[in-house]
Amino acid sequence: MSEPLRISAKNLGALALPGFCPRCFWLKLKTHNRLPFQIFPGIFSSIDAYTKRVVHAGIDRNGGAPIWLKGLGEVTGYINPPHHSRFYIELPEYEMLLTGAPDGILTLSDGSIAIIDYKTAKYTGTQDKLMPMYMVQLNAYALITEHLRIGNVTKLALVYAEPVTDEETAAQSEIHSDEGFVMPFSISVHPTKLDFDQLPPLYRKAREIFELPEVPEGRSGCEDCERLDELMLLARKL
């Protein structure tokens, strides 16, 4: 029997990136995503969590989502996503456990639900080089959501919160207070296609790479591989 593979929706999505690197992917799986040079700054997670709280507070207060989420349709409420330890689906055919933790699950007026993922970043539309990964990530969340019978998913979307930092905004009196200052955010909603068919080929590819007995060759020009090689060279000199 093959070794069970536990993989997050985000790591599965990495397989869809144009700059995908087999070596980095293999190392992530084998080290449980603990590569020393890929630590995500905690401030972005804090802002994403705050954005979710703002949305939920608006729904609690007004019975619907803020106007800047109108692209999702008529939102009637929200469901607190299950803890990541309970949000998963077993895929026996691939001996795989697909996991994740969606940022938001919103209920819609037709009884269906929307899965959203908050991004603290500048919105560039379809030009975002990480968009293929995000599309897979959201579809994996939708698959798990329906598997757990939380609801029927009809919409997926990325919600970008972009800091507004121009000089004119910074000079406004309401930005300043005795305790500090406020940073406003501009919100952009990017709908994503619901497409479960894109997932099985990625399951197979992930399993094939995971089962390799030795680390595969990296992608030519991969910056992470170059960093790793530098670390290994440094370690040999110590």
Foldseek 3Di string as FASTA:
>chain_A
DDDAFEDELLLLLLVQFPQRKLLVSLVCRVVVNPDPVPDDDPVFVVVLLVVLVVQQVCCVVPQFGPPQVCVVPTFRHWDQWDDQVPQWDQDVVLSYIYTYTFSTWTAHPVGAIETEHEGADDDDAPVPSSVSSVLSNQLRSQVSCVVVVVGHYDWYKYKYWYWDDDPVVVPDPQQDDPVGGDIHTDIDIHTHDNDPPVRPVSSVVSSVSNPDPDRDDTDPPDPVVVVVVVVVVVVVVD
